Amino acid sequence: MSLFNQGKKAYLLLADGQIFEGRSFGAEGTVIGEVVFTTGLTGYEETLTDPSYYGQIVTQTFPLIGNYGVNEADRESDKSYVSGYIVREWCNQPSNFRMEGDIDSFLKKENIIGLHNIDTRRLTRIIRETGVMNGVITTEDVYAKKDTLLEQIKAYEIKNAVKTVTAYKRFTYKSDNEKNPEYKVVLMDFGYKRNIRNELVNRGCEVIVVPAYTTADEIKELAPDGIMLSNGPGNPAENVEIIENLKEITKLGIPIFGICLGHQLMALAHGGRTEKLKYGHRGANQPVIDLESGKTYVTSQNHGYAVIGDSISSDVAKVSHINANDKTCEGMKYNNINAFTVQFHPEAHGGPLDTAYLFDEFISKIKMNKEGK
């Protein structure tokens, strides 16, 4: 049997009423989410386990997904947070010396509905032209339930995203080879990716992962040398309590490094504003310009919101990086506090390593702060 004919008949219904007919893989049923696309050629397991995709139906623009299987080492979190998964073609006979399973079994285990054998290029063009929109994947008769489903799609909204994905308690990590790590870093978990933690551990840090709603007083008690603000899902402006906490956390005088949602929340805590992008930046090939050096870096990104660069007073912070394509803000350096943030992912796992040096800069700031410089 042709792979394109495998699986139960399945459908994607978009908010504008358009229907794509294909086949299912992974789980079966009906699920609603925000339909987005990512342009990564590799790293599909990292995509599937990135908490920043919470509430979203993810479309892979690369036509063949699953050819090297899945394995525990490439996961970015303990579970998958995507609502649904769309590919042109999935590989049912993967081959790789590191693989521990296949993508179909992975999706079944995670109860994620997959859809294949649709024109993903056409779907991507629709999203690029009209913007991200809600949709539903279903293995039921979409035509019989279209009106009801469209009402549900219209009402759908991603809410309480960070509250859903954040850690429920503290966790401490350090290298097996480091009995007494040189630095202690608090990693605020807004939906963090494991490789952020790994990059810090690999640089001699003891990493204490704390829930997103941890207060300044609680962090002060831990006496960290640095604070890491992680990536995460949803509308950044929704996180009012966290934003208020960050205003106090920045007063501790501890070096801070923010990534993705952490970058956005830090800006909001300092009078900035954010905006929803038409279709976001998702993939491993986003060009970013460092305004200080003039260099352009290839970066991994996954976000649907951006900081409005000029919404923050120049007395407070300055834009340090911009996206080479649409000129949106990709980084901020703060003037009166020891903090810097970026929108992209310097820890990219399954992506470019151009900006991994930012972790070294963070460690350098921690070291200098400890030495009183």
Protein backbone atom coordinates (compact mmCIF):
# COMPACT_ATOMS: atom_id res chain seq x y z
CA MET A 1 0.00 0.00 0.00
CA SER A 2 1.26 3.51 -0.78
CA LEU A 3 2.24 5.55 2.25
CA PHE A 4 -0.06 8.31 1.06
CA ASN A 5 -3.03 5.96 1.48
CA GLN A 6 -2.06 4.81 4.96
CA GLY A 7 -4.13 5.93 7.92
CA LYS A 8 -7.74 6.86 8.37
CA LYS A 9 -9.18 9.64 6.26
CA ALA A 10 -8.63 12.94 8.08
CA TYR A 11 -9.29 16.63 7.53
CA LEU A 12 -8.02 20.10 8.38
CA LEU A 13 -10.76 22.73 8.64
CA LEU A 14 -9.53 26.33 8.78
CA ALA A 15 -11.37 29.25 10.38
CA ASP A 16 -12.13 30.68 6.94
CA GLY A 17 -13.97 27.48 5.97
CA GLN A 18 -11.30 25.94 3.73
CA ILE A 19 -10.93 22.17 4.04
CA PHE A 20 -7.86 20.03 3.36
CA GLU A 21 -8.41 16.29 2.95
CA GLY A 22 -5.65 13.87 3.87
CA ARG A 23 -4.84 10.86 6.03
CA SER A 24 -4.18 10.52 9.72
CA PHE A 25 -1.18 9.13 11.56
CA GLY A 26 -0.50 9.14 15.25
CA ALA A 27 -3.66 9.42 17.34
CA GLU A 28 -7.24 9.77 16.08
CA GLY A 29 -10.03 12.15 17.09
CA THR A 30 -10.67 15.88 16.87
CA VAL A 31 -8.50 18.75 18.09
CA ILE A 32 -8.60 22.55 17.79
CA GLY A 33 -5.55 24.82 17.74
CA GLU A 34 -3.83 27.80 16.18
CA VAL A 35 -2.40 26.70 12.81
CA VAL A 36 1.23 27.76 12.32
CA PHE A 37 4.15 26.64 10.17
CA THR A 38 7.83 26.02 10.84
CA THR A 39 10.53 25.92 8.17
CA GLY A 40 13.09 23.67 9.86
CA LEU A 41 14.57 20.92 7.68
CA THR A 42 15.55 18.88 10.73
CA GLY A 43 14.72 18.97 14.43
CA TYR A 44 11.13 17.73 14.20
CA GLU A 45 11.37 15.95 17.57
CA GLU A 46 12.59 19.15 19.19
CA THR A 47 9.64 20.94 17.59
CA LEU A 48 7.19 18.37 18.90
CA THR A 49 8.55 18.66 22.46
CA ASP A 50 9.06 22.45 22.58
CA PRO A 51 6.55 23.86 25.15
CA SER A 52 6.40 27.10 23.14
CA TYR A 53 4.10 25.28 20.69
CA TYR A 54 1.42 24.78 23.36
CA GLY A 55 -2.06 25.16 21.86
CA GLN A 56 -0.85 25.17 18.25
CA ILE A 57 -1.29 22.88 15.25
CA VAL A 58 2.18 22.77 13.74
CA THR A 59 2.77 22.43 9.99
CA GLN A 60 6.21 21.33 8.77
CA THR A 61 7.10 22.98 5.46
CA PHE A 62 9.85 20.42 4.76
CA PRO A 63 8.11 17.66 2.74
CA LEU A 64 9.48 14.51 4.45
CA ILE A 65 9.35 14.15 8.23
CA GLY A 66 10.39 11.25 10.46
CA ASN A 67 13.22 9.76 8.38
CA TYR A 68 15.69 9.53 11.28
CA GLY A 69 13.19 8.41 13.93
CA VAL A 70 13.00 9.71 17.49
CA ASN A 71 15.09 9.31 20.62
CA GLU A 72 15.08 10.48 24.23
CA ALA A 73 18.25 12.57 23.89
CA ASP A 74 16.66 14.95 21.36
CA ARG A 75 13.59 15.79 23.43
CA GLU A 76 13.28 19.35 24.72
CA SER A 77 10.76 18.46 27.44
CA ASP A 78 9.06 15.48 29.03
CA LYS A 79 6.01 15.57 26.76
CA SER A 80 4.59 17.05 23.57
CA TYR A 81 2.61 20.26 23.88
CA VAL A 82 1.44 20.69 20.26
CA SER A 83 -2.29 20.37 19.66
CA GLY A 84 -1.85 18.71 16.27
CA TYR A 85 0.82 17.96 13.67
CA ILE A 86 0.71 18.36 9.87
CA VAL A 87 3.24 17.05 7.32
CA ARG A 88 3.31 16.38 3.60
CA GLU A 89 4.74 12.88 4.03
CA TRP A 90 5.88 10.93 7.10
CA CYS A 91 8.49 8.18 6.96
CA ASN A 92 7.29 4.85 8.33
CA GLN A 93 10.68 3.15 7.92
CA PRO A 94 13.21 5.51 9.57
CA SER A 95 16.89 4.65 9.72
CA ASN A 96 19.42 6.12 12.14
CA PHE A 97 21.91 4.58 14.56
CA ARG A 98 20.55 6.83 17.38
CA MET A 99 16.85 6.15 16.86
CA GLU A 100 14.76 4.55 19.61
CA GLY A 101 11.38 4.67 17.86
CA ASP A 102 9.38 6.17 14.99
CA ILE A 103 7.31 9.32 14.76
CA ASP A 104 3.98 7.54 14.31
CA SER A 105 4.44 5.61 17.57
CA PHE A 106 5.63 8.80 19.27
CA LEU A 107 2.46 10.68 18.29
CA LYS A 108 0.25 7.79 19.40
CA LYS A 109 1.98 7.66 22.78
CA GLU A 110 1.63 11.43 23.20
CA ASN A 111 -2.00 11.33 21.96
CA ILE A 112 -1.23 13.84 19.21
CA ILE A 113 -3.32 13.72 16.00
CA GLY A 114 -1.19 13.84 12.87
CA LEU A 115 -2.35 14.71 9.35
CA HIS A 116 -0.40 13.83 6.20
CA ASN A 117 -0.92 13.74 2.46
CA ILE A 118 -2.09 17.35 2.13
CA ASP A 119 -0.54 20.19 0.13
CA THR A 120 1.55 21.82 2.88
CA ARG A 121 2.93 24.41 0.44
CA ARG A 122 -0.58 25.65 -0.28
CA LEU A 123 -1.40 25.72 3.44
CA THR A 124 1.79 27.67 4.17
CA ARG A 125 0.96 30.23 1.48
CA ILE A 126 -2.49 30.72 3.01
CA ILE A 127 -0.99 31.39 6.45
CA ARG A 128 1.62 33.76 5.02
CA GLU A 129 -0.99 35.73 3.08
CA THR A 130 -3.81 35.84 5.66
CA GLY A 131 -1.91 35.29 8.92
CA VAL A 132 -2.13 32.50 11.46
CA MET A 133 -5.65 31.30 12.07
CA ASN A 134 -7.40 28.72 14.17
CA GLY A 135 -8.30 25.34 12.74
CA VAL A 136 -9.30 21.80 13.57
CA ILE A 137 -7.86 18.42 12.63
CA THR A 138 -10.38 15.60 12.75
CA THR A 139 -10.68 11.97 11.72
CA GLU A 140 -14.48 12.30 11.81
CA ASP A 141 -16.76 13.51 9.00
CA VAL A 142 -15.86 17.19 8.86
CA TYR A 143 -18.61 18.02 6.37
CA ALA A 144 -21.38 16.75 8.68
CA LYS A 145 -20.08 18.84 11.59
CA LYS A 146 -18.64 21.82 9.72
CA ASP A 147 -20.94 24.52 11.14
CA THR A 148 -20.49 23.33 14.72
CA LEU A 149 -16.74 23.03 14.31
CA LEU A 150 -16.46 26.51 12.81
CA GLU A 151 -18.22 27.94 15.87
CA GLN A 152 -15.73 26.12 18.14
CA ILE A 153 -12.79 27.28 16.02
CA LYS A 154 -13.98 30.89 16.23
CA ALA A 155 -14.23 30.69 20.01
CA TYR A 156 -10.84 29.05 20.51
CA GLU A 157 -8.12 31.04 22.28
CA ILE A 158 -4.82 29.98 23.82
CA LYS A 159 -5.09 30.81 27.53
CA ASN A 160 -3.07 30.10 30.67
CA ALA A 161 -0.24 28.83 28.49
CA VAL A 162 2.67 29.44 30.88
CA LYS A 163 0.64 28.25 33.87
CA THR A 164 -0.01 24.98 32.00
CA VAL A 165 3.58 24.18 31.01
CA THR A 166 5.68 25.50 33.91
CA ALA A 167 7.34 23.25 36.50
CA TYR A 168 5.30 22.50 39.63
CA LYS A 169 8.35 22.59 41.94
CA ARG A 170 12.09 23.26 41.94
CA PHE A 171 14.54 20.93 40.21
CA THR A 172 18.33 21.12 40.46
CA TYR A 173 20.76 19.99 37.76
CA LYS A 174 24.55 19.90 37.49
CA SER A 175 27.19 17.99 35.60
CA ASP A 176 28.13 14.56 36.91
CA ASN A 177 31.74 15.73 36.71
CA GLU A 178 31.14 18.87 38.77
CA LYS A 179 31.06 18.20 42.51
CA ASN A 180 31.19 21.89 43.31
CA PRO A 181 29.95 23.93 40.31
CA GLU A 182 31.50 27.37 40.05
CA TYR A 183 28.22 29.19 39.43
CA LYS A 184 24.61 28.83 40.50
CA VAL A 185 21.94 29.92 38.02
CA VAL A 186 18.18 30.12 38.60
CA LEU A 187 16.29 29.15 35.44
CA MET A 188 12.77 30.57 35.51
CA ASP A 189 10.60 28.04 33.72
CA PHE A 190 8.08 29.70 31.45
CA GLY A 191 8.17 26.56 29.26
CA TYR A 192 11.92 26.04 29.00
CA LYS A 193 13.75 23.84 26.52
CA ARG A 194 16.18 21.32 27.97
CA ASN A 195 19.07 22.54 25.87
CA ILE A 196 19.01 25.94 27.63
CA ARG A 197 19.65 24.04 30.85
CA ASN A 198 22.29 21.89 29.14
CA GLU A 199 24.19 24.92 27.80
CA LEU A 200 24.43 26.30 31.33
CA VAL A 201 25.41 22.97 32.90
CA ASN A 202 28.08 22.48 30.24
CA ARG A 203 29.58 25.81 31.30
CA GLY A 204 30.03 24.73 34.90
CA CYS A 205 26.73 25.93 36.35
CA GLU A 206 24.45 24.37 38.90
CA VAL A 207 21.01 25.09 37.45
CA ILE A 208 17.96 25.44 39.68
CA VAL A 209 14.78 25.29 37.60
CA VAL A 210 12.00 27.19 39.37
CA PRO A 211 8.28 27.64 38.59
CA ALA A 212 7.31 30.67 36.53
CA TYR A 213 5.62 32.42 39.48
CA THR A 214 8.65 32.33 41.79
CA THR A 215 9.00 35.70 43.56
CA ALA A 216 12.03 37.94 44.01
CA ASP A 217 12.24 37.06 47.71
CA GLU A 218 12.23 33.33 46.92
CA ILE A 219 14.99 33.79 44.34
CA LYS A 220 17.02 35.91 46.77
CA GLU A 221 16.91 33.06 49.30
CA LEU A 222 18.51 30.75 46.71
CA ALA A 223 21.42 33.21 46.37
CA PRO A 224 22.07 32.59 42.65
CA ASP A 225 24.92 34.09 40.66
CA GLY A 226 22.70 34.51 37.59
CA ILE A 227 19.07 34.37 36.48
CA MET A 228 17.91 32.84 33.20
CA LEU A 229 14.49 33.74 31.79
CA SER A 230 13.30 30.95 29.51
CA ASN A 231 11.22 30.65 26.39
CA GLY A 232 7.55 29.72 26.61
CA PRO A 233 4.14 29.82 24.91
CA GLY A 234 1.22 32.17 24.56
CA ASN A 235 0.56 35.90 24.62
CA PRO A 236 3.28 37.52 26.77
CA ALA A 237 0.96 40.30 27.97
CA GLU A 238 -1.29 37.68 29.59
CA ASN A 239 1.32 37.04 32.29
CA VAL A 240 0.55 40.01 34.52
CA GLU A 241 1.75 38.38 37.76
CA ILE A 242 5.06 37.28 36.25
CA ILE A 243 5.66 40.74 34.78
CA GLU A 244 5.13 42.33 38.19
CA ASN A 245 7.50 39.77 39.75
CA LEU A 246 10.18 40.60 37.17
CA LYS A 247 10.09 44.26 38.17
CA GLU A 248 11.23 43.19 41.63
CA ILE A 249 13.59 40.46 40.43
CA THR A 250 15.58 42.94 38.35
CA LYS A 251 16.20 44.99 41.52
CA LEU A 252 18.23 42.14 43.03
CA GLY A 253 21.29 43.19 41.03
CA ILE A 254 21.88 39.67 39.71
CA PRO A 255 22.91 39.25 36.04
CA ILE A 256 19.91 38.28 33.87
CA PHE A 257 19.77 36.62 30.46
CA GLY A 258 16.37 36.21 28.73
CA ILE A 259 15.41 34.12 25.71
CA CYS A 260 12.21 34.32 23.61
CA LEU A 261 9.26 34.73 26.02
CA GLY A 262 11.77 35.75 28.69
CA HIS A 263 12.88 38.54 26.35
CA GLN A 264 9.28 39.68 25.86
CA LEU A 265 8.35 39.56 29.55
CA MET A 266 11.46 41.53 30.49
CA ALA A 267 10.47 44.25 28.00
CA LEU A 268 6.92 44.37 29.36
CA ALA A 269 8.29 44.71 32.90
CA HIS A 270 10.20 47.81 31.78
CA GLY A 271 7.42 49.70 30.06
CA GLY A 272 7.63 48.07 26.65
CA ARG A 273 4.85 46.67 24.48
CA THR A 274 4.51 43.55 22.35
CA GLU A 275 2.58 42.85 19.17
CA LYS A 276 1.32 39.71 17.47
CA LEU A 277 3.11 38.99 14.20
CA LYS A 278 1.17 38.06 11.08
CA TYR A 279 2.58 34.54 10.89
CA GLY A 280 5.51 34.60 13.30
CA HIS A 281 9.08 33.37 13.00
CA ARG A 282 9.40 29.59 13.29
CA GLY A 283 12.34 27.65 11.92
CA ALA A 284 16.11 27.28 12.02
CA ASN A 285 17.06 29.79 9.32
CA GLN A 286 16.05 33.24 10.57
CA PRO A 287 18.69 35.95 9.85
CA VAL A 288 19.41 38.33 12.73
CA ILE A 289 21.62 41.44 12.63
CA ASP A 290 23.74 42.34 15.65
CA LEU A 291 23.53 46.15 15.54
CA GLU A 292 26.75 46.63 17.50
CA SER A 293 29.00 44.47 15.31
CA GLY A 294 27.02 44.68 12.09
CA LYS A 295 27.26 40.91 11.70
CA THR A 296 24.32 38.80 10.52
CA TYR A 297 23.71 35.47 12.24
CA VAL A 298 21.50 32.53 11.25
CA THR A 299 19.24 31.70 14.19
CA SER A 300 16.60 29.26 15.37
CA GLN A 301 13.30 30.88 16.31
CA ASN A 302 9.82 30.00 17.47
CA HIS A 303 7.58 32.92 18.35
CA GLY A 304 4.35 34.58 17.29
CA TYR A 305 4.81 37.83 19.24
CA ALA A 306 7.56 40.46 19.12
CA VAL A 307 8.72 43.34 21.29
CA ILE A 308 8.07 46.76 19.77
CA GLY A 309 11.61 48.09 19.96
CA ASP A 310 10.86 51.79 20.26
CA SER A 311 8.20 51.21 22.94
CA ILE A 312 10.95 51.13 25.60
CA SER A 313 12.61 54.39 26.56
CA SER A 314 16.19 54.73 25.33
CA ASP A 315 17.11 55.66 28.89
CA VAL A 316 16.02 52.16 29.97
CA ALA A 317 17.29 49.92 27.17
CA LYS A 318 18.40 49.82 23.56
CA VAL A 319 17.64 47.41 20.74
CA SER A 320 20.69 45.18 20.23
CA HIS A 321 19.49 42.87 17.42
CA ILE A 322 16.91 43.07 14.63
CA ASN A 323 15.46 40.55 12.21
CA ALA A 324 17.06 41.02 8.78
CA ASN A 325 13.80 40.21 7.00
CA ASP A 326 11.14 42.32 8.72
CA LYS A 327 13.34 44.48 11.02
CA THR A 328 11.45 43.43 14.17
CA CYS A 329 13.25 43.60 17.50
CA GLU A 330 15.38 40.52 18.23
CA GLY A 331 17.32 41.65 21.29
CA MET A 332 17.57 44.26 24.06
CA LYS A 333 20.41 45.48 26.27
CA TYR A 334 19.38 47.25 29.47
CA ASN A 335 21.22 50.34 30.65
CA ASN A 336 20.85 50.49 34.42
CA ILE A 337 20.52 46.80 35.24
CA ASN A 338 22.84 43.89 34.45
CA ALA A 339 20.54 42.28 31.88
CA PHE A 340 20.29 41.43 28.20
CA THR A 341 17.69 39.45 26.27
CA VAL A 342 17.20 37.95 22.80
CA GLN A 343 14.16 36.79 20.86
CA PHE A 344 15.94 33.92 19.08
CA HIS A 345 17.34 30.66 20.49
CA PRO A 346 21.13 30.66 20.96
CA GLU A 347 20.89 27.16 22.46
CA ALA A 348 19.43 25.75 19.21
CA HIS A 349 19.34 21.97 19.29
CA GLY A 350 18.75 20.76 15.78
CA GLY A 351 19.61 24.24 14.51
CA PRO A 352 22.44 26.75 13.91
CA LEU A 353 25.02 27.40 16.64
CA ASP A 354 25.98 30.89 15.40
CA THR A 355 24.86 32.65 18.60
CA ALA A 356 25.88 30.13 21.29
CA TYR A 357 28.52 32.69 22.30
CA LEU A 358 25.76 34.58 24.14
CA PHE A 359 25.88 31.95 26.89
CA ASP A 360 29.60 32.71 27.24
CA GLU A 361 28.76 36.41 27.56
CA PHE A 362 26.25 35.56 30.28
CA ILE A 363 28.85 33.54 32.19
CA SER A 364 31.31 36.42 31.78
CA LYS A 365 28.79 38.84 33.29
CA ILE A 366 28.22 36.43 36.20
CA LYS A 367 31.97 36.15 36.81
CA MET A 368 32.52 39.88 36.70
CA ASN A 369 29.58 40.50 39.05
CA LYS A 370 30.98 37.98 41.56
CA GLU A 371 34.34 39.73 41.42
CA GLY A 372 32.64 43.06 42.01
CA LYS A 373 33.59 44.51 38.64
